[in-house]
Amino acid sequence: MYPFTNRFISNDKNAEFLKAAMMGPNAMRVAEELASHLNIKKNMRILDLGCGCGLSTLLFVKKYGVSVFAADLWISPTENYERFQSGGIDDKAVPIFLDATKELPFANGYFDLLFTVDAYHYFGDTPEMLPSLVPFVKRGGCIAVAIPGLKYEFGKNIPGEMQPFWNSEMERTLHSLDWWKDLWKRTAGIEVVDSREMACCGQAWEEWLTGYHPVVADDIKMMEAEGGKYFNLVQLIAKVI
């Protein structure tokens, strides 16, 4: 399921690039699994929303030959452009600055696929977000999301071993598959065609913990306490109808 990612990180230089670019569970591996459930064609136009340092963008361009608008709020377009140049994908990947909670600067029906990995939970937890994105995807196109989540809703019953790490942002952004399915099913103009816990969860998290991001040290402690009991990766795919 992950031939591109496994081949990519088998190269020492690429493995170092990955460690420097990860901002959460390995976005390249997560993107490759999510993409395996989509019918991606070379002539597609894709919005990678919340692309971070462009690992998912790199996968899409290199593996599928598609054109990608790589949009992020936290990482500057210049930084990503330099990464795309070094990766040889700057002719297919357009880095842009974008706040998903504001009006998007695109025509209605512009994209064949809106794709977001390790990001949607930060801005998509309201009933208004998904309906605001639907118009930018052409009829028959898809919105595909993969995000960190929980195996069940904690509510006010935070497990004891998780309490030292739990905070208001985690409470707002981390939810179960059923929670996300319920939220998405309220949106008109789409059909939820796939929802599941992702198989790469353990491996993607383990790879993240080898990274160089400043929060990794704290996450190592958190994941040792979690012990595989509570976290998962949630996948959702909706077709625009």
C-alpha atoms as a PDB file:
ATOM      1  CA  MET A   1       0.000   0.000   0.000  1.00  0.00           C
ATOM      2  CA  TYR A   2       2.988   2.320   0.498  1.00  0.00           C
ATOM      3  CA  PRO A   3       5.465   1.598  -2.328  1.00  0.00           C
ATOM      4  CA  PHE A   4       6.331   5.252  -2.957  1.00  0.00           C
ATOM      5  CA  THR A   5       6.889   6.124   0.704  1.00  0.00           C
ATOM      6  CA  ASN A   6       8.915   3.012   1.443  1.00  0.00           C
ATOM      7  CA  ARG A   7      11.114   3.574  -1.600  1.00  0.00           C
ATOM      8  CA  PHE A   8      11.504   7.286  -0.798  1.00  0.00           C
ATOM      9  CA  ILE A   9      12.705   6.785   2.774  1.00  0.00           C
ATOM     10  CA  SER A  10      15.038   3.937   1.831  1.00  0.00           C
ATOM     11  CA  ASN A  11      17.361   6.692   0.583  1.00  0.00           C
ATOM     12  CA  ASP A  12      19.306   8.272   3.448  1.00  0.00           C
ATOM     13  CA  LYS A  13      19.084  11.800   2.024  1.00  0.00           C
ATOM     14  CA  ASN A  14      15.335  11.471   1.561  1.00  0.00           C
ATOM     15  CA  ALA A  15      14.939  10.058   5.070  1.00  0.00           C
ATOM     16  CA  GLU A  16      16.656  13.157   6.475  1.00  0.00           C
ATOM     17  CA  PHE A  17      14.407  15.373   4.339  1.00  0.00           C
ATOM     18  CA  LEU A  18      11.381  13.586   5.753  1.00  0.00           C
ATOM     19  CA  LYS A  19      12.537  13.987   9.355  1.00  0.00           C
ATOM     20  CA  ALA A  20      12.987  17.720   8.810  1.00  0.00           C
ATOM     21  CA  ALA A  21       9.658  18.188   7.016  1.00  0.00           C
ATOM     22  CA  MET A  22       7.196  16.168   9.128  1.00  0.00           C
ATOM     23  CA  MET A  23       4.732  18.178  11.218  1.00  0.00           C
ATOM     24  CA  GLY A  24       2.735  15.227  12.547  1.00  0.00           C
ATOM     25  CA  PRO A  25       2.211  11.527  11.748  1.00  0.00           C
ATOM     26  CA  ASN A  26       4.148  10.936   8.516  1.00  0.00           C
ATOM     27  CA  ALA A  27       2.036  12.850   5.993  1.00  0.00           C
ATOM     28  CA  MET A  28       3.604  11.080   3.024  1.00  0.00           C
ATOM     29  CA  ARG A  29       2.612   7.634   4.264  1.00  0.00           C
ATOM     30  CA  VAL A  30      -0.836   8.834   5.349  1.00  0.00           C
ATOM     31  CA  ALA A  31      -1.371  10.521   1.977  1.00  0.00           C
ATOM     32  CA  GLU A  32      -0.349   7.393   0.079  1.00  0.00           C
ATOM     33  CA  GLU A  33      -2.862   5.258   1.961  1.00  0.00           C
ATOM     34  CA  LEU A  34      -5.647   7.798   1.498  1.00  0.00           C
ATOM     35  CA  ALA A  35      -4.819   8.192  -2.192  1.00  0.00           C
ATOM     36  CA  SER A  36      -5.090   4.422  -2.676  1.00  0.00           C
ATOM     37  CA  HIS A  37      -8.842   4.788  -2.087  1.00  0.00           C
ATOM     38  CA  LEU A  38      -9.205   7.452  -4.792  1.00  0.00           C
ATOM     39  CA  ASN A  39      -9.294   7.271  -8.583  1.00  0.00           C
ATOM     40  CA  ILE A  40      -6.492   9.726  -9.369  1.00  0.00           C
ATOM     41  CA  LYS A  41      -5.763  10.607 -12.996  1.00  0.00           C
ATOM     42  CA  LYS A  42      -2.871  12.574 -14.450  1.00  0.00           C
ATOM     43  CA  ASN A  43      -4.999  15.434 -15.780  1.00  0.00           C
ATOM     44  CA  MET A  44      -6.552  16.228 -12.385  1.00  0.00           C
ATOM     45  CA  ARG A  45      -6.231  19.562 -10.612  1.00  0.00           C
ATOM     46  CA  ILE A  46      -5.811  19.069  -6.857  1.00  0.00           C
ATOM     47  CA  LEU A  47      -5.903  21.366  -3.841  1.00  0.00           C
ATOM     48  CA  ASP A  48      -3.658  20.108  -1.037  1.00  0.00           C
ATOM     49  CA  LEU A  49      -5.198  22.110   1.798  1.00  0.00           C
ATOM     50  CA  GLY A  50      -2.956  22.454   4.843  1.00  0.00           C
ATOM     51  CA  CYS A  51      -0.013  20.952   2.969  1.00  0.00           C
ATOM     52  CA  GLY A  52       2.534  21.764   5.666  1.00  0.00           C
ATOM     53  CA  CYS A  53       6.024  21.283   4.258  1.00  0.00           C
ATOM     54  CA  GLY A  54       4.641  19.597   1.162  1.00  0.00           C
ATOM     55  CA  LEU A  55       5.146  15.883   1.805  1.00  0.00           C
ATOM     56  CA  SER A  56       1.680  15.028   0.499  1.00  0.00           C
ATOM     57  CA  THR A  57       2.218  17.362  -2.470  1.00  0.00           C
ATOM     58  CA  LEU A  58       5.484  15.633  -3.293  1.00  0.00           C
ATOM     59  CA  LEU A  59       3.757  12.256  -3.226  1.00  0.00           C
ATOM     60  CA  PHE A  60       0.957  13.405  -5.529  1.00  0.00           C
ATOM     61  CA  VAL A  61       3.196  14.989  -8.135  1.00  0.00           C
ATOM     62  CA  LYS A  62       5.842  12.266  -8.150  1.00  0.00           C
ATOM     63  CA  LYS A  63       3.532   9.256  -7.993  1.00  0.00           C
ATOM     64  CA  TYR A  64       0.576  10.465 -10.048  1.00  0.00           C
ATOM     65  CA  GLY A  65       1.895  13.322 -12.214  1.00  0.00           C
ATOM     66  CA  VAL A  66      -0.961  15.630 -11.226  1.00  0.00           C
ATOM     67  CA  SER A  67      -0.939  19.418 -10.768  1.00  0.00           C
ATOM     68  CA  VAL A  68      -1.252  20.524  -7.142  1.00  0.00           C
ATOM     69  CA  PHE A  69      -2.008  23.818  -5.442  1.00  0.00           C
ATOM     70  CA  ALA A  70      -0.116  23.422  -2.159  1.00  0.00           C
ATOM     71  CA  ALA A  71      -1.825  25.706   0.360  1.00  0.00           C
ATOM     72  CA  ASP A  72      -0.829  26.331   3.948  1.00  0.00           C
ATOM     73  CA  LEU A  73      -1.285  28.913   6.686  1.00  0.00           C
ATOM     74  CA  TRP A  74       1.797  28.122   8.786  1.00  0.00           C
ATOM     75  CA  ILE A  75       4.510  27.442   6.176  1.00  0.00           C
ATOM     76  CA  SER A  76       5.517  30.208   3.796  1.00  0.00           C
ATOM     77  CA  PRO A  77       5.094  29.695   0.027  1.00  0.00           C
ATOM     78  CA  THR A  78       8.742  30.636  -0.459  1.00  0.00           C
ATOM     79  CA  GLU A  79       9.930  27.853   1.839  1.00  0.00           C
ATOM     80  CA  ASN A  80       7.756  25.328   0.029  1.00  0.00           C
ATOM     81  CA  TYR A  81       8.797  26.618  -3.379  1.00  0.00           C
ATOM     82  CA  GLU A  82      12.410  25.966  -2.445  1.00  0.00           C
ATOM     83  CA  ARG A  83      11.477  22.445  -1.319  1.00  0.00           C
ATOM     84  CA  PHE A  84       9.564  21.849  -4.534  1.00  0.00           C
ATOM     85  CA  GLN A  85      12.547  23.049  -6.559  1.00  0.00           C
ATOM     86  CA  SER A  86      14.886  20.710  -4.691  1.00  0.00           C
ATOM     87  CA  GLY A  87      12.435  17.864  -5.259  1.00  0.00           C
ATOM     88  CA  GLY A  88      12.050  18.632  -8.962  1.00  0.00           C
ATOM     89  CA  ILE A  89       8.296  19.262  -8.751  1.00  0.00           C
ATOM     90  CA  ASP A  90       8.125  23.068  -9.015  1.00  0.00           C
ATOM     91  CA  ASP A  91       6.599  22.812 -12.514  1.00  0.00           C
ATOM     92  CA  LYS A  92       3.596  20.920 -11.089  1.00  0.00           C
ATOM     93  CA  ALA A  93       3.240  22.268  -7.535  1.00  0.00           C
ATOM     94  CA  VAL A  94       2.047  25.828  -6.848  1.00  0.00           C
ATOM     95  CA  PRO A  95       2.809  26.951  -3.279  1.00  0.00           C
ATOM     96  CA  ILE A  96       0.339  29.460  -1.850  1.00  0.00           C
ATOM     97  CA  PHE A  97      -0.513  31.062   1.483  1.00  0.00           C
ATOM     98  CA  LEU A  98      -4.092  30.343   2.485  1.00  0.00           C
ATOM     99  CA  ASP A  99      -6.316  30.472   5.551  1.00  0.00           C
ATOM    100  CA  ALA A 100      -8.966  27.784   5.099  1.00  0.00           C
ATOM    101  CA  THR A 101     -11.351  29.622   7.427  1.00  0.00           C
ATOM    102  CA  LYS A 102     -11.446  32.625   5.074  1.00  0.00           C
ATOM    103  CA  GLU A 103     -12.945  32.859   1.588  1.00  0.00           C
ATOM    104  CA  LEU A 104     -10.831  30.785  -0.800  1.00  0.00           C
ATOM    105  CA  PRO A 105      -9.416  32.544  -3.905  1.00  0.00           C
ATOM    106  CA  PHE A 106     -10.595  29.953  -6.430  1.00  0.00           C
ATOM    107  CA  ALA A 107     -13.403  29.583  -8.941  1.00  0.00           C
ATOM    108  CA  ASN A 108     -16.314  27.304  -8.121  1.00  0.00           C
ATOM    109  CA  GLY A 109     -15.803  23.818  -9.512  1.00  0.00           C
ATOM    110  CA  TYR A 110     -12.088  24.444 -10.051  1.00  0.00           C
ATOM    111  CA  PHE A 111     -10.714  21.283  -8.443  1.00  0.00           C
ATOM    112  CA  ASP A 112     -11.153  17.601  -9.188  1.00  0.00           C
ATOM    113  CA  LEU A 113      -9.984  16.732  -5.684  1.00  0.00           C
ATOM    114  CA  LEU A 114      -9.585  18.596  -2.415  1.00  0.00           C
ATOM    115  CA  PHE A 115      -7.132  16.647  -0.308  1.00  0.00           C
ATOM    116  CA  THR A 116      -5.988  17.369   3.238  1.00  0.00           C
ATOM    117  CA  VAL A 117      -3.674  15.349   5.507  1.00  0.00           C
ATOM    118  CA  ASP A 118      -2.788  16.021   9.170  1.00  0.00           C
ATOM    119  CA  ALA A 119      -4.498  19.419   8.998  1.00  0.00           C
ATOM    120  CA  TYR A 120      -8.286  19.350   8.670  1.00  0.00           C
ATOM    121  CA  HIS A 121      -8.902  18.761  12.381  1.00  0.00           C
ATOM    122  CA  TYR A 122      -7.414  22.183  13.140  1.00  0.00           C
ATOM    123  CA  PHE A 123      -9.997  24.070  11.066  1.00  0.00           C
ATOM    124  CA  GLY A 124     -12.703  21.596  10.028  1.00  0.00           C
ATOM    125  CA  ASP A 125     -14.390  20.867  13.358  1.00  0.00           C
ATOM    126  CA  THR A 126     -17.339  23.234  12.774  1.00  0.00           C
ATOM    127  CA  PRO A 127     -20.577  22.542  10.857  1.00  0.00           C
ATOM    128  CA  GLU A 128     -19.770  25.459   8.540  1.00  0.00           C
ATOM    129  CA  MET A 129     -16.365  24.374   7.213  1.00  0.00           C
ATOM    130  CA  LEU A 130     -17.191  21.449   4.930  1.00  0.00           C
ATOM    131  CA  PRO A 131     -20.121  23.267   3.225  1.00  0.00           C
ATOM    132  CA  SER A 132     -17.771  26.192   2.558  1.00  0.00           C
ATOM    133  CA  LEU A 133     -15.349  23.907   0.682  1.00  0.00           C
ATOM    134  CA  VAL A 134     -17.828  21.925  -1.399  1.00  0.00           C
ATOM    135  CA  PRO A 135     -18.388  24.615  -4.080  1.00  0.00           C
ATOM    136  CA  PHE A 136     -14.716  24.577  -5.115  1.00  0.00           C
ATOM    137  CA  VAL A 137     -14.845  20.908  -6.129  1.00  0.00           C
ATOM    138  CA  LYS A 138     -16.499  19.993  -9.407  1.00  0.00           C
ATOM    139  CA  ARG A 139     -19.489  17.667  -9.434  1.00  0.00           C
ATOM    140  CA  GLY A 140     -18.246  14.087  -9.299  1.00  0.00           C
ATOM    141  CA  GLY A 141     -15.029  15.183  -7.631  1.00  0.00           C
ATOM    142  CA  CYS A 142     -14.009  14.309  -4.095  1.00  0.00           C
ATOM    143  CA  ILE A 143     -13.025  15.800  -0.776  1.00  0.00           C
ATOM    144  CA  ALA A 144     -10.615  13.465   1.013  1.00  0.00           C
ATOM    145  CA  VAL A 145      -9.335  13.922   4.545  1.00  0.00           C
ATOM    146  CA  ALA A 146      -6.947  12.003   6.815  1.00  0.00           C
ATOM    147  CA  ILE A 147      -6.388  13.260  10.353  1.00  0.00           C
ATOM    148  CA  PRO A 148      -5.278  12.165  13.809  1.00  0.00           C
ATOM    149  CA  GLY A 149      -8.230  11.078  15.932  1.00  0.00           C
ATOM    150  CA  LEU A 150      -9.438   9.000  18.853  1.00  0.00           C
ATOM    151  CA  LYS A 151     -10.719   5.441  19.039  1.00  0.00           C
ATOM    152  CA  TYR A 152     -13.618   6.783  21.119  1.00  0.00           C
ATOM    153  CA  GLU A 153     -14.786  10.131  22.477  1.00  0.00           C
ATOM    154  CA  PHE A 154     -13.261  11.003  25.844  1.00  0.00           C
ATOM    155  CA  GLY A 155     -15.792  13.642  26.797  1.00  0.00           C
ATOM    156  CA  LYS A 156     -14.987  14.641  30.375  1.00  0.00           C
ATOM    157  CA  ASN A 157     -13.503  11.209  31.159  1.00  0.00           C
ATOM    158  CA  ILE A 158      -9.907  11.822  30.109  1.00  0.00           C
ATOM    159  CA  PRO A 159      -7.861   8.651  30.767  1.00  0.00           C
ATOM    160  CA  GLY A 160      -5.486   9.167  33.657  1.00  0.00           C
ATOM    161  CA  GLU A 161      -2.342   8.523  31.640  1.00  0.00           C
ATOM    162  CA  MET A 162      -3.421  11.128  29.059  1.00  0.00           C
ATOM    163  CA  GLN A 163      -4.286  13.898  31.509  1.00  0.00           C
ATOM    164  CA  PRO A 164      -0.729  15.325  31.728  1.00  0.00           C
ATOM    165  CA  PHE A 165      -0.756  15.871  27.946  1.00  0.00           C
ATOM    166  CA  TRP A 166      -4.387  16.824  27.344  1.00  0.00           C
ATOM    167  CA  ASN A 167      -5.149  20.467  26.576  1.00  0.00           C
ATOM    168  CA  SER A 168      -7.921  22.611  25.107  1.00  0.00           C
ATOM    169  CA  GLU A 169      -6.636  22.276  21.543  1.00  0.00           C
ATOM    170  CA  MET A 170      -6.565  18.477  21.735  1.00  0.00           C
ATOM    171  CA  GLU A 171     -10.049  18.514  23.240  1.00  0.00           C
ATOM    172  CA  ARG A 172     -11.306  20.597  20.309  1.00  0.00           C
ATOM    173  CA  THR A 173      -9.505  18.848  17.466  1.00  0.00           C
ATOM    174  CA  LEU A 174      -9.213  15.138  18.331  1.00  0.00           C
ATOM    175  CA  HIS A 175     -12.396  13.143  17.789  1.00  0.00           C
ATOM    176  CA  SER A 176     -13.582   9.658  16.927  1.00  0.00           C
ATOM    177  CA  LEU A 177     -14.481   8.372  13.482  1.00  0.00           C
ATOM    178  CA  ASP A 178     -18.177   8.368  14.436  1.00  0.00           C
ATOM    179  CA  TRP A 179     -17.969  12.007  15.548  1.00  0.00           C
ATOM    180  CA  TRP A 180     -16.532  13.067  12.189  1.00  0.00           C
ATOM    181  CA  LYS A 181     -18.997  10.934  10.223  1.00  0.00           C
ATOM    182  CA  ASP A 182     -21.906  12.568  12.052  1.00  0.00           C
ATOM    183  CA  LEU A 183     -20.524  16.034  11.298  1.00  0.00           C
ATOM    184  CA  TRP A 184     -20.000  15.313   7.599  1.00  0.00           C
ATOM    185  CA  LYS A 185     -23.408  13.722   7.107  1.00  0.00           C
ATOM    186  CA  ARG A 186     -25.029  17.058   7.944  1.00  0.00           C
ATOM    187  CA  THR A 187     -23.559  18.642   4.798  1.00  0.00           C
ATOM    188  CA  ALA A 188     -25.739  19.006   1.712  1.00  0.00           C
ATOM    189  CA  GLY A 189     -24.302  18.378  -1.758  1.00  0.00           C
ATOM    190  CA  ILE A 190     -22.021  15.477  -0.847  1.00  0.00           C
ATOM    191  CA  GLU A 191     -22.181  11.727  -0.371  1.00  0.00           C
ATOM    192  CA  VAL A 192     -19.792  10.209   2.164  1.00  0.00           C
ATOM    193  CA  VAL A 193     -18.391   7.256   0.220  1.00  0.00           C
ATOM    194  CA  ASP A 194     -15.667   6.081   2.599  1.00  0.00           C
ATOM    195  CA  SER A 195     -14.907   6.395   6.302  1.00  0.00           C
ATOM    196  CA  ARG A 196     -12.514   4.244   8.274  1.00  0.00           C
ATOM    197  CA  GLU A 197      -9.630   4.027  10.698  1.00  0.00           C
ATOM    198  CA  MET A 198      -6.373   3.947   8.754  1.00  0.00           C
ATOM    199  CA  ALA A 199      -4.011   0.972   8.672  1.00  0.00           C
ATOM    200  CA  CYS A 200      -0.832   3.071   8.757  1.00  0.00           C
ATOM    201  CA  CYS A 201      -1.589   4.630  12.140  1.00  0.00           C
ATOM    202  CA  GLY A 202       1.136   2.945  14.173  1.00  0.00           C
ATOM    203  CA  GLN A 203       3.832   3.291  11.532  1.00  0.00           C
ATOM    204  CA  ALA A 204       3.009   6.922  10.684  1.00  0.00           C
ATOM    205  CA  TRP A 205       3.140   7.897  14.357  1.00  0.00           C
ATOM    206  CA  GLU A 206       6.416   6.008  14.907  1.00  0.00           C
ATOM    207  CA  GLU A 207       8.021   7.791  11.962  1.00  0.00           C
ATOM    208  CA  TRP A 208       6.873  11.161  13.292  1.00  0.00           C
ATOM    209  CA  LEU A 209       8.641  10.442  16.575  1.00  0.00           C
ATOM    210  CA  THR A 210      11.972  10.210  14.700  1.00  0.00           C
ATOM    211  CA  GLY A 211      11.519  13.724  13.313  1.00  0.00           C
ATOM    212  CA  TYR A 212      13.281  16.964  14.181  1.00  0.00           C
ATOM    213  CA  HIS A 213      10.238  19.118  14.973  1.00  0.00           C
ATOM    214  CA  PRO A 214      10.478  20.810  18.414  1.00  0.00           C
ATOM    215  CA  VAL A 215       7.332  19.129  19.771  1.00  0.00           C
ATOM    216  CA  VAL A 216       8.578  15.597  19.064  1.00  0.00           C
ATOM    217  CA  ALA A 217      10.255  15.282  22.477  1.00  0.00           C
ATOM    218  CA  ASP A 218       6.954  15.878  24.264  1.00  0.00           C
ATOM    219  CA  ASP A 219       5.077  13.638  21.827  1.00  0.00           C
ATOM    220  CA  ILE A 220       7.457  10.758  22.548  1.00  0.00           C
ATOM    221  CA  LYS A 221       6.432  10.935  26.199  1.00  0.00           C
ATOM    222  CA  MET A 222       2.758  11.223  25.239  1.00  0.00           C
ATOM    223  CA  MET A 223       2.859   8.242  22.904  1.00  0.00           C
ATOM    224  CA  GLU A 224       4.656   6.119  25.506  1.00  0.00           C
ATOM    225  CA  ALA A 225       1.828   6.916  27.931  1.00  0.00           C
ATOM    226  CA  GLU A 226      -0.830   6.324  25.247  1.00  0.00           C
ATOM    227  CA  GLY A 227       0.559   2.874  24.454  1.00  0.00           C
ATOM    228  CA  GLY A 228      -1.636   2.358  21.390  1.00  0.00           C
ATOM    229  CA  LYS A 229      -4.864   2.456  23.407  1.00  0.00           C
ATOM    230  CA  TYR A 230      -6.458   5.746  22.380  1.00  0.00           C
ATOM    231  CA  PHE A 231      -5.154   7.381  19.179  1.00  0.00           C
ATOM    232  CA  ASN A 232      -5.934   6.484  15.591  1.00  0.00           C
ATOM    233  CA  LEU A 233      -5.958   8.059  12.144  1.00  0.00           C
ATOM    234  CA  VAL A 234      -9.354   8.882  10.658  1.00  0.00           C
ATOM    235  CA  GLN A 235     -10.067   8.756   6.913  1.00  0.00           C
ATOM    236  CA  LEU A 236     -13.099  10.388   5.263  1.00  0.00           C
ATOM    237  CA  ILE A 237     -13.924  10.655   1.557  1.00  0.00           C
ATOM    238  CA  ALA A 238     -16.961  12.474   0.216  1.00  0.00           C
ATOM    239  CA  LYS A 239     -18.131  12.734  -3.400  1.00  0.00           C
ATOM    240  CA  VAL A 240     -19.620  16.036  -4.580  1.00  0.00           C
ATOM    241  CA  ILE A 241     -23.042  15.359  -6.100  1.00  0.00           C
END
